[in-house]
Amino acid sequence: MKAQKIFHQKIVLKHKGSSRLAIFEVAIWRVPVTRSYPEGIKYRAWLSEEGKTIFGFDNHQPKGPHLHIGDREVGYVYRGISALREDVVAMIAEEGFIYED
């Protein structure tokens, strides 16, 4: 089975308190269940401003689930698509951007 895109969104977000703009993109694929992707899900959710990463969640291999915060990477415990969505929306709000889906 090839990867099947099950969701994709790319939008511009406005900052609450200023004229700042950021690009938010999320893509989720269904992939074969393997040791690398035990849930059968591959994902990427990214917020960037002026070409620089604010934060990004992904689970590409060989790293597995992790979170980018600026130039740093930290581990991330993937708990399903709903929890990922909640985590992403919370971080967007924490950065002061407005996201309405």
N, C-alpha and C. Protein backbone atom coordinates (compact mmCIF):
# COMPACT_ATOMS: atom_id res chain seq x y z
N MET A 1 0.84 -1.18 0.00
CA MET A 1 0.00 0.00 0.00
C MET A 1 0.88 1.24 0.00
N LYS A 2 0.59 2.18 -0.85
CA LYS A 2 1.28 3.45 -0.87
C LYS A 2 0.68 4.36 0.20
N ALA A 3 1.41 5.38 0.56
CA ALA A 3 0.89 6.36 1.52
C ALA A 3 -0.34 7.04 0.91
N GLN A 4 -1.39 7.18 1.71
CA GLN A 4 -2.62 7.84 1.29
C GLN A 4 -2.79 9.11 2.10
N LYS A 5 -2.84 10.25 1.43
CA LYS A 5 -3.05 11.50 2.15
C LYS A 5 -4.49 11.53 2.65
N ILE A 6 -4.66 11.71 3.95
CA ILE A 6 -6.01 11.75 4.50
C ILE A 6 -6.41 13.16 4.95
N PHE A 7 -5.44 14.06 5.06
CA PHE A 7 -5.76 15.44 5.39
C PHE A 7 -4.61 16.33 5.00
N HIS A 8 -4.93 17.51 4.45
CA HIS A 8 -3.91 18.51 4.14
C HIS A 8 -4.54 19.89 4.25
N GLN A 9 -3.81 20.81 4.87
CA GLN A 9 -4.27 22.19 4.99
C GLN A 9 -3.04 23.08 5.04
N LYS A 10 -3.07 24.16 4.28
CA LYS A 10 -2.00 25.16 4.33
C LYS A 10 -2.68 26.51 4.32
N ILE A 11 -2.46 27.29 5.40
CA ILE A 11 -3.13 28.58 5.53
C ILE A 11 -2.20 29.62 6.14
N VAL A 12 -2.59 30.87 5.99
CA VAL A 12 -1.89 31.99 6.61
C VAL A 12 -2.64 32.34 7.88
N LEU A 13 -1.91 32.47 8.98
CA LEU A 13 -2.50 32.84 10.26
C LEU A 13 -2.05 34.25 10.65
N LYS A 14 -2.97 35.00 11.22
CA LYS A 14 -2.66 36.35 11.71
C LYS A 14 -2.40 36.28 13.21
N HIS A 15 -1.49 37.14 13.64
CA HIS A 15 -1.18 37.24 15.06
C HIS A 15 -2.23 38.11 15.73
N LYS A 16 -2.60 37.76 16.97
CA LYS A 16 -3.63 38.51 17.71
C LYS A 16 -3.27 39.96 17.95
N GLY A 17 -2.04 40.21 18.34
CA GLY A 17 -1.69 41.55 18.81
C GLY A 17 -0.82 42.37 17.89
N SER A 18 -0.62 41.91 16.66
CA SER A 18 0.26 42.66 15.76
C SER A 18 -0.12 42.33 14.31
N SER A 19 0.67 42.84 13.40
CA SER A 19 0.43 42.57 11.98
C SER A 19 1.22 41.36 11.49
N ARG A 20 1.83 40.61 12.41
CA ARG A 20 2.62 39.43 12.02
C ARG A 20 1.75 38.37 11.35
N LEU A 21 2.33 37.70 10.38
CA LEU A 21 1.67 36.59 9.69
C LEU A 21 2.56 35.36 9.76
N ALA A 22 1.93 34.19 9.79
CA ALA A 22 2.68 32.93 9.80
C ALA A 22 1.98 31.95 8.87
N ILE A 23 2.74 31.00 8.37
CA ILE A 23 2.20 29.93 7.53
C ILE A 23 2.04 28.70 8.41
N PHE A 24 0.85 28.11 8.36
CA PHE A 24 0.60 26.86 9.06
C PHE A 24 0.24 25.80 8.02
N GLU A 25 0.93 24.67 8.10
CA GLU A 25 0.63 23.56 7.19
C GLU A 25 0.61 22.26 7.97
N VAL A 26 -0.41 21.47 7.69
CA VAL A 26 -0.52 20.15 8.32
C VAL A 26 -0.86 19.15 7.22
N ALA A 27 -0.22 17.99 7.29
CA ALA A 27 -0.52 16.89 6.36
C ALA A 27 -0.46 15.59 7.15
N ILE A 28 -1.44 14.74 6.89
CA ILE A 28 -1.51 13.44 7.57
C ILE A 28 -1.72 12.38 6.50
N TRP A 29 -0.92 11.31 6.57
CA TRP A 29 -1.02 10.21 5.63
C TRP A 29 -1.28 8.90 6.36
N ARG A 30 -2.05 8.03 5.74
CA ARG A 30 -2.17 6.66 6.21
C ARG A 30 -1.08 5.87 5.49
N VAL A 31 -0.28 5.15 6.26
CA VAL A 31 0.83 4.37 5.71
C VAL A 31 0.72 2.94 6.24
N PRO A 32 1.43 2.02 5.62
CA PRO A 32 1.41 0.65 6.16
C PRO A 32 1.90 0.62 7.61
N VAL A 33 1.29 -0.21 8.41
CA VAL A 33 1.74 -0.39 9.79
C VAL A 33 3.07 -1.13 9.74
N THR A 34 4.07 -0.49 10.32
CA THR A 34 5.42 -1.07 10.38
C THR A 34 5.99 -0.75 11.76
N ARG A 35 7.17 -1.23 12.01
CA ARG A 35 7.86 -0.90 13.26
C ARG A 35 8.08 0.62 13.35
N SER A 36 8.36 1.25 12.21
CA SER A 36 8.59 2.70 12.17
C SER A 36 7.30 3.51 12.36
N TYR A 37 6.18 2.98 11.87
CA TYR A 37 4.88 3.65 11.96
C TYR A 37 3.86 2.68 12.54
N PRO A 38 3.94 2.39 13.84
CA PRO A 38 3.06 1.37 14.44
C PRO A 38 1.58 1.73 14.40
N GLU A 39 1.26 3.02 14.30
CA GLU A 39 -0.14 3.43 14.22
C GLU A 39 -0.64 3.48 12.77
N GLY A 40 0.28 3.32 11.82
CA GLY A 40 -0.10 3.44 10.41
C GLY A 40 -0.38 4.87 9.99
N ILE A 41 0.20 5.83 10.71
CA ILE A 41 -0.01 7.26 10.45
C ILE A 41 1.34 7.96 10.37
N LYS A 42 1.47 8.79 9.34
CA LYS A 42 2.63 9.67 9.21
C LYS A 42 2.07 11.10 9.21
N TYR A 43 2.72 12.02 9.91
CA TYR A 43 2.17 13.37 10.00
C TYR A 43 3.25 14.42 10.02
N ARG A 44 2.82 15.63 9.69
CA ARG A 44 3.67 16.81 9.76
C ARG A 44 2.76 18.00 10.00
N ALA A 45 3.01 18.77 11.04
CA ALA A 45 2.26 19.99 11.34
C ALA A 45 3.27 21.07 11.66
N TRP A 46 3.27 22.15 10.90
CA TRP A 46 4.37 23.12 10.96
C TRP A 46 3.85 24.54 10.99
N LEU A 47 4.42 25.38 11.83
CA LEU A 47 4.13 26.80 11.87
C LEU A 47 5.44 27.53 11.64
N SER A 48 5.46 28.40 10.63
CA SER A 48 6.69 29.15 10.34
C SER A 48 6.35 30.60 10.05
N GLU A 49 7.33 31.45 10.30
CA GLU A 49 7.18 32.88 10.07
C GLU A 49 8.44 33.37 9.37
N GLU A 50 8.25 34.02 8.24
CA GLU A 50 9.37 34.54 7.45
C GLU A 50 10.41 33.45 7.18
N GLY A 51 9.92 32.25 6.89
CA GLY A 51 10.80 31.14 6.54
C GLY A 51 11.48 30.44 7.71
N LYS A 52 11.20 30.88 8.92
CA LYS A 52 11.82 30.28 10.11
C LYS A 52 10.79 29.48 10.88
N THR A 53 11.20 28.32 11.35
CA THR A 53 10.32 27.46 12.12
C THR A 53 10.00 28.07 13.47
N ILE A 54 8.70 28.19 13.76
CA ILE A 54 8.27 28.52 15.12
C ILE A 54 8.15 27.21 15.88
N PHE A 55 7.37 26.27 15.31
CA PHE A 55 7.32 24.91 15.85
C PHE A 55 6.87 23.97 14.75
N GLY A 56 7.18 22.69 14.95
CA GLY A 56 6.74 21.68 14.01
C GLY A 56 6.69 20.31 14.67
N PHE A 57 5.62 19.58 14.41
CA PHE A 57 5.47 18.21 14.88
C PHE A 57 5.64 17.30 13.68
N ASP A 58 6.41 16.24 13.80
CA ASP A 58 6.44 15.23 12.75
C ASP A 58 6.94 13.91 13.30
N ASN A 59 6.83 12.88 12.48
CA ASN A 59 7.26 11.55 12.92
C ASN A 59 8.02 10.82 11.82
N HIS A 60 8.79 11.58 11.04
CA HIS A 60 9.57 10.93 9.99
C HIS A 60 10.62 10.01 10.59
N GLN A 61 11.06 9.10 9.80
CA GLN A 61 12.06 8.14 10.24
C GLN A 61 13.44 8.60 9.83
N PRO A 62 14.45 8.35 10.60
CA PRO A 62 14.51 7.39 11.69
C PRO A 62 14.19 7.99 13.06
N LYS A 63 13.81 9.27 13.13
CA LYS A 63 13.64 9.93 14.43
C LYS A 63 12.37 9.55 15.18
N GLY A 64 11.31 9.20 14.47
CA GLY A 64 10.04 8.93 15.13
C GLY A 64 9.39 10.24 15.57
N PRO A 65 8.36 10.17 16.42
CA PRO A 65 7.65 11.37 16.84
C PRO A 65 8.57 12.36 17.57
N HIS A 66 8.55 13.60 17.13
CA HIS A 66 9.32 14.64 17.79
C HIS A 66 8.74 16.01 17.48
N LEU A 67 9.21 16.99 18.23
CA LEU A 67 8.73 18.36 18.13
C LEU A 67 9.91 19.28 17.90
N HIS A 68 9.79 20.13 16.90
CA HIS A 68 10.78 21.17 16.64
C HIS A 68 10.28 22.45 17.29
N ILE A 69 11.12 23.10 18.05
CA ILE A 69 10.81 24.41 18.62
C ILE A 69 11.97 25.31 18.20
N GLY A 70 11.69 26.14 17.21
CA GLY A 70 12.79 26.90 16.61
C GLY A 70 13.79 25.91 16.02
N ASP A 71 15.04 26.02 16.42
CA ASP A 71 16.09 25.12 15.93
C ASP A 71 16.30 23.89 16.81
N ARG A 72 15.57 23.80 17.92
CA ARG A 72 15.73 22.65 18.83
C ARG A 72 14.75 21.54 18.48
N GLU A 73 15.10 20.32 18.85
CA GLU A 73 14.21 19.18 18.71
C GLU A 73 14.07 18.50 20.07
N VAL A 74 12.83 18.15 20.38
CA VAL A 74 12.56 17.43 21.63
C VAL A 74 11.63 16.27 21.31
N GLY A 75 11.62 15.27 22.16
CA GLY A 75 10.74 14.14 21.96
C GLY A 75 9.28 14.53 22.06
N TYR A 76 8.43 13.76 21.42
CA TYR A 76 6.98 13.98 21.47
C TYR A 76 6.32 12.62 21.55
N VAL A 77 5.37 12.48 22.44
CA VAL A 77 4.64 11.23 22.58
C VAL A 77 3.36 11.35 21.75
N TYR A 78 3.30 10.63 20.64
CA TYR A 78 2.11 10.64 19.78
C TYR A 78 1.01 9.83 20.46
N ARG A 79 -0.17 10.45 20.64
CA ARG A 79 -1.29 9.82 21.33
C ARG A 79 -2.53 9.75 20.45
N GLY A 80 -2.33 9.84 19.12
CA GLY A 80 -3.45 9.79 18.19
C GLY A 80 -3.67 11.15 17.53
N ILE A 81 -4.46 11.12 16.45
CA ILE A 81 -4.68 12.32 15.66
C ILE A 81 -5.41 13.40 16.47
N SER A 82 -6.39 13.02 17.27
CA SER A 82 -7.14 14.02 18.06
C SER A 82 -6.23 14.74 19.05
N ALA A 83 -5.39 13.99 19.73
CA ALA A 83 -4.46 14.59 20.70
C ALA A 83 -3.43 15.46 19.98
N LEU A 84 -2.96 15.02 18.82
CA LEU A 84 -2.02 15.82 18.03
C LEU A 84 -2.67 17.15 17.68
N ARG A 85 -3.92 17.10 17.22
CA ARG A 85 -4.64 18.32 16.87
C ARG A 85 -4.73 19.25 18.07
N GLU A 86 -5.09 18.72 19.23
CA GLU A 86 -5.19 19.54 20.45
C GLU A 86 -3.85 20.18 20.79
N ASP A 87 -2.77 19.42 20.68
CA ASP A 87 -1.44 19.94 20.99
C ASP A 87 -1.05 21.06 20.02
N VAL A 88 -1.34 20.86 18.74
CA VAL A 88 -0.99 21.85 17.71
C VAL A 88 -1.79 23.13 17.94
N VAL A 89 -3.10 23.00 18.13
CA VAL A 89 -3.96 24.18 18.33
C VAL A 89 -3.52 24.94 19.59
N ALA A 90 -3.16 24.23 20.64
CA ALA A 90 -2.69 24.88 21.88
C ALA A 90 -1.40 25.65 21.63
N MET A 91 -0.49 25.08 20.86
CA MET A 91 0.78 25.78 20.60
C MET A 91 0.58 26.98 19.70
N ILE A 92 -0.34 26.89 18.74
CA ILE A 92 -0.65 28.05 17.89
C ILE A 92 -1.16 29.19 18.77
N ALA A 93 -2.09 28.88 19.67
CA ALA A 93 -2.64 29.90 20.57
C ALA A 93 -1.56 30.47 21.48
N GLU A 94 -0.68 29.60 21.97
CA GLU A 94 0.40 30.05 22.85
C GLU A 94 1.32 31.03 22.14
N GLU A 95 1.51 30.84 20.85
CA GLU A 95 2.35 31.76 20.06
C GLU A 95 1.61 33.04 19.69
N GLY A 96 0.31 33.11 20.01
CA GLY A 96 -0.45 34.33 19.77
C GLY A 96 -1.11 34.43 18.40
N PHE A 97 -1.15 33.31 17.68
CA PHE A 97 -1.79 33.33 16.36
C PHE A 97 -3.23 32.83 16.46
N ILE A 98 -4.05 33.27 15.51
CA ILE A 98 -5.46 32.92 15.49
C ILE A 98 -5.67 31.79 14.49
N TYR A 99 -6.21 30.68 14.97
CA TYR A 99 -6.51 29.53 14.11
C TYR A 99 -7.97 29.15 14.29
N GLU A 100 -8.71 29.22 13.22
CA GLU A 100 -10.11 28.82 13.23
C GLU A 100 -10.30 27.77 12.15
N ASP A 101 -10.67 26.57 12.56
CA ASP A 101 -10.86 25.54 11.53
C ASP A 101 -12.33 25.30 11.26
